Protein backbone atom coordinates (compact mmCIF):
# COMPACT_ATOMS: atom_id res chain seq x y z
CA MET A 1 -4.55 25.66 -4.87
CA ILE A 2 -7.67 25.50 -2.75
CA ASP A 3 -7.06 26.55 0.87
CA LYS A 4 -8.82 24.08 3.21
CA LYS A 5 -7.64 21.72 5.92
CA TYR A 6 -5.86 19.97 3.05
CA ILE A 7 -4.16 21.28 -0.09
CA ALA A 8 -5.49 20.39 -3.54
CA HIS A 9 -4.20 21.54 -6.92
CA GLU A 10 -6.80 23.42 -8.96
CA THR A 11 -6.98 20.56 -11.50
CA ALA A 12 -7.83 17.95 -8.83
CA VAL A 13 -11.45 16.77 -8.67
CA ILE A 14 -12.78 16.14 -5.16
CA ASP A 15 -16.29 14.72 -4.93
CA GLU A 16 -18.69 15.60 -2.14
CA ASN A 17 -18.84 13.23 0.83
CA SER A 18 -15.14 12.42 0.68
CA ASN A 19 -13.33 12.79 3.99
CA ILE A 20 -9.80 14.20 3.71
CA GLY A 21 -7.52 14.64 6.72
CA ASN A 22 -5.57 17.69 7.81
CA GLY A 23 -2.32 18.38 6.02
CA THR A 24 -3.00 16.06 3.10
CA LYS A 25 -1.77 17.20 -0.35
CA ILE A 26 -3.55 16.27 -3.58
CA TRP A 27 -1.73 17.02 -6.81
CA HIS A 28 -2.51 17.62 -10.51
CA PHE A 29 -5.36 15.79 -12.27
CA SER A 30 -6.18 13.49 -9.36
CA HIS A 31 -9.77 12.40 -8.59
CA ILE A 32 -10.93 11.78 -5.05
CA MET A 33 -14.33 10.09 -5.31
CA ALA A 34 -17.27 10.20 -2.88
CA ASP A 35 -17.32 8.14 0.30
CA CYS A 36 -13.58 7.57 0.55
CA GLU A 37 -11.50 8.36 3.62
CA ILE A 38 -8.01 9.82 3.40
CA GLY A 39 -6.10 10.29 6.64
CA GLU A 40 -3.95 13.17 7.83
CA SER A 41 -0.64 14.10 6.19
CA CYS A 42 -1.10 11.95 3.09
CA ASN A 43 0.46 12.83 -0.26
CA ILE A 44 -1.61 11.98 -3.34
CA GLY A 45 0.51 12.35 -6.51
CA GLN A 46 -0.50 13.35 -10.02
CA ASN A 47 -3.16 11.44 -11.97
CA VAL A 48 -4.31 9.34 -9.01
CA VAL A 49 -7.84 7.97 -8.60
CA VAL A 50 -9.18 7.11 -5.14
CA SER A 51 -12.47 5.19 -5.60
CA PRO A 52 -15.55 5.18 -3.34
CA GLY A 53 -15.13 3.31 -0.07
CA VAL A 54 -11.32 3.31 -0.15
CA LYS A 55 -9.65 4.05 3.18
CA LEU A 56 -6.15 5.46 3.49
CA GLY A 57 -4.59 5.83 6.94
CA ARG A 58 -2.28 8.59 8.14
CA ASN A 59 0.87 9.52 6.18
CA VAL A 60 0.12 7.33 3.13
CA LYS A 61 2.25 8.27 0.12
CA VAL A 62 0.61 7.59 -3.27
CA GLN A 63 2.92 8.23 -6.22
CA ASN A 64 1.84 9.29 -9.72
CA ASN A 65 -0.56 7.25 -11.90
CA VAL A 66 -1.99 4.97 -9.19
CA SER A 67 -5.65 3.91 -9.12
CA ILE A 68 -6.88 2.74 -5.72
CA TYR A 69 -10.09 0.83 -6.37
CA THR A 70 -13.06 0.11 -4.10
CA GLY A 71 -12.16 -2.69 -1.70
CA VAL A 72 -8.65 -1.40 -0.88
CA ILE A 73 -7.68 -0.29 2.62
CA CYS A 74 -4.20 1.08 3.33
CA GLU A 75 -3.15 1.51 6.96
CA ASP A 76 -0.80 4.23 8.26
CA ASP A 77 2.58 4.91 6.62
CA VAL A 78 1.94 2.86 3.46
CA PHE A 79 3.93 3.73 0.30
CA LEU A 80 2.39 3.07 -3.13
CA GLY A 81 5.01 3.41 -5.88
CA PRO A 82 4.53 5.05 -9.28
CA SER A 83 2.06 3.28 -11.59
CA MET A 84 1.52 0.32 -9.26
CA VAL A 85 -1.83 -1.41 -9.78
CA PHE A 86 -4.58 -2.77 -7.54
CA THR A 87 -7.36 -4.95 -8.94
CA ASN A 88 -10.74 -5.52 -7.30
CA VAL A 89 -12.45 -8.22 -9.40
CA ILE A 90 -10.95 -11.70 -9.89
CA ASN A 91 -12.67 -12.43 -13.21
CA PRO A 92 -13.64 -9.14 -14.91
CA ARG A 93 -15.75 -9.16 -18.08
CA SER A 94 -16.89 -6.09 -19.95
CA ALA A 95 -20.40 -7.45 -20.52
CA ILE A 96 -20.94 -8.63 -16.91
CA ASN A 97 -21.45 -6.17 -14.05
CA ARG A 98 -19.59 -7.43 -10.96
CA ARG A 99 -19.79 -4.29 -8.81
CA GLY A 100 -21.17 -6.23 -5.86
CA GLN A 101 -18.30 -8.74 -6.02
CA TYR A 102 -15.33 -6.52 -5.23
CA ALA A 103 -12.66 -8.41 -3.30
CA LYS A 104 -10.97 -6.73 -0.31
CA THR A 105 -7.27 -5.98 -0.16
CA ASN A 106 -5.66 -4.72 3.05
CA VAL A 107 -2.22 -3.13 2.99
CA ARG A 108 -0.94 -3.15 6.56
CA LYS A 109 0.99 -0.46 8.41
CA GLY A 110 4.33 0.58 6.93
CA ALA A 111 4.21 -1.66 3.84
CA SER A 112 5.77 -0.42 0.58
CA ILE A 113 4.74 -1.44 -2.92
CA GLY A 114 7.23 -0.68 -5.68
CA ALA A 115 6.74 0.98 -9.06
CA ASN A 116 4.65 -0.96 -11.61
CA ALA A 117 3.85 -3.77 -9.15
CA THR A 118 0.43 -5.44 -9.45
CA ILE A 119 -1.59 -6.60 -6.45
CA ILE A 120 -4.26 -9.16 -7.37
CA CYS A 121 -7.33 -8.47 -5.23
CA GLY A 122 -8.11 -10.45 -2.11
CA ASN A 123 -4.45 -10.72 -1.10
CA ASP A 124 -3.36 -8.82 2.00
CA ILE A 125 0.06 -7.23 2.37
CA GLY A 126 1.61 -7.63 5.84
CA GLU A 127 3.07 -4.91 8.04
CA TYR A 128 6.35 -3.45 6.74
CA ALA A 129 6.47 -5.86 3.80
CA LEU A 130 8.46 -4.59 0.81
CA ILE A 131 7.11 -5.45 -2.65
CA GLY A 132 9.73 -4.93 -5.36
CA ALA A 133 9.18 -2.96 -8.56
CA GLY A 134 7.22 -4.90 -11.18
CA ALA A 135 6.23 -7.75 -8.86
CA VAL A 136 2.89 -9.48 -9.47
CA VAL A 137 1.40 -10.46 -6.11
CA THR A 138 -0.97 -13.44 -6.38
CA LYS A 139 -1.13 -14.47 -2.70
CA SER A 140 -1.13 -12.80 0.71
CA ILE A 141 2.22 -11.52 1.97
CA LYS A 142 3.65 -11.91 5.48
CA ALA A 143 4.80 -9.05 7.69
CA TYR A 144 8.40 -7.93 6.99
CA ALA A 145 8.60 -10.08 3.82
CA LEU A 146 10.79 -9.02 0.88
CA ILE A 147 8.95 -9.89 -2.34
CA VAL A 148 10.06 -9.75 -6.01
CA GLY A 149 9.20 -11.23 -9.40
CA ASN A 150 6.32 -12.47 -11.55
CA PRO A 151 4.70 -14.35 -9.98
CA ALA A 152 5.96 -12.72 -6.79
CA GLN A 153 8.17 -14.81 -4.52
CA GLN A 154 9.62 -14.08 -1.10
CA ILE A 155 13.41 -13.78 -1.17
CA GLY A 156 14.03 -12.59 2.38
CA TRP A 157 12.97 -10.28 5.18
CA VAL A 158 13.28 -6.53 5.75
CA SER A 159 13.28 -4.23 8.75
CA GLU A 160 10.81 -1.42 9.38
CA TYR A 161 13.40 0.87 7.75
CA GLY A 162 13.39 -1.27 4.59
CA HIS A 163 16.82 -2.90 5.03
CA ARG A 164 17.33 -6.58 4.28
CA LEU A 165 17.69 -8.64 7.45
CA ASN A 166 20.53 -11.16 7.75
CA PHE A 167 19.77 -13.71 10.46
CA ASP A 168 22.55 -15.33 12.48
CA GLU A 169 22.77 -18.91 13.76
CA ASN A 170 20.39 -17.94 16.60
CA ASN A 171 17.81 -16.65 14.08
CA LYS A 172 18.37 -13.05 15.19
CA ALA A 173 19.03 -10.00 13.02
CA LEU A 174 19.78 -6.33 13.57
CA CYS A 175 18.74 -3.33 11.48
CA LEU A 176 21.89 -1.21 11.43
CA GLU A 177 20.00 2.03 10.73
CA SER A 178 17.35 1.77 13.46
CA GLY A 179 19.07 -0.54 15.94
CA HIS A 180 15.91 -2.68 16.03
CA GLU A 181 16.39 -6.39 16.71
CA PHE A 182 14.35 -9.11 14.99
CA VAL A 183 13.85 -12.82 15.49
CA LEU A 184 12.90 -15.41 12.86
CA ASP A 185 10.53 -18.12 14.06
CA LEU A 186 11.35 -21.07 11.80
CA LYS A 187 8.32 -23.06 12.94
CA SER A 188 5.80 -20.42 11.81
CA ASP A 189 8.11 -18.81 9.19
CA THR A 190 7.45 -15.35 10.62
CA VAL A 191 9.58 -12.44 11.77
CA LYS A 192 8.95 -10.31 14.85
CA ARG A 193 10.69 -7.25 16.19
CA THR A 194 11.95 -7.85 19.72
CA LYS A 195 13.59 -4.51 20.51
């Protein structure tokens, strides 16, 4: 291990001009490329690639075998499950260079993306959304949405603690673990935490 403000396994490759926050851990065979920003207290698993221009907020957990391509921004407390996939070009071709056409994908605070899920570029993931394992996301996802399947579909709502929300006749729900209260606005089809 290299002793710096962050911890990196000796097999990790860290390019110059990358900015890595205090307390971050980078594990075996991972490559942190130039001009990316990784916040404090992140955990970068084995065999992870973080491409130039990527931004990871504080306390982002990246599991093994994830490639985070240019155009991706993850806010604080995001979880990226094992072998999940981001794309950054809508119509890739081997013979055509589309480096200047990378689409942006923003993963908002507290969102979790399950193992082997695929996020098609240009689609944002809302705060605290939960994307199930193997889902293929082809459109932007609302905050607190519970998403599964291929193509991905919303099947409900979750709390900030990741528990499914069951709304009563007044469109209110309670997370039993946190005690947080939520309200479902049927007109806008959105959920907000009220307490």
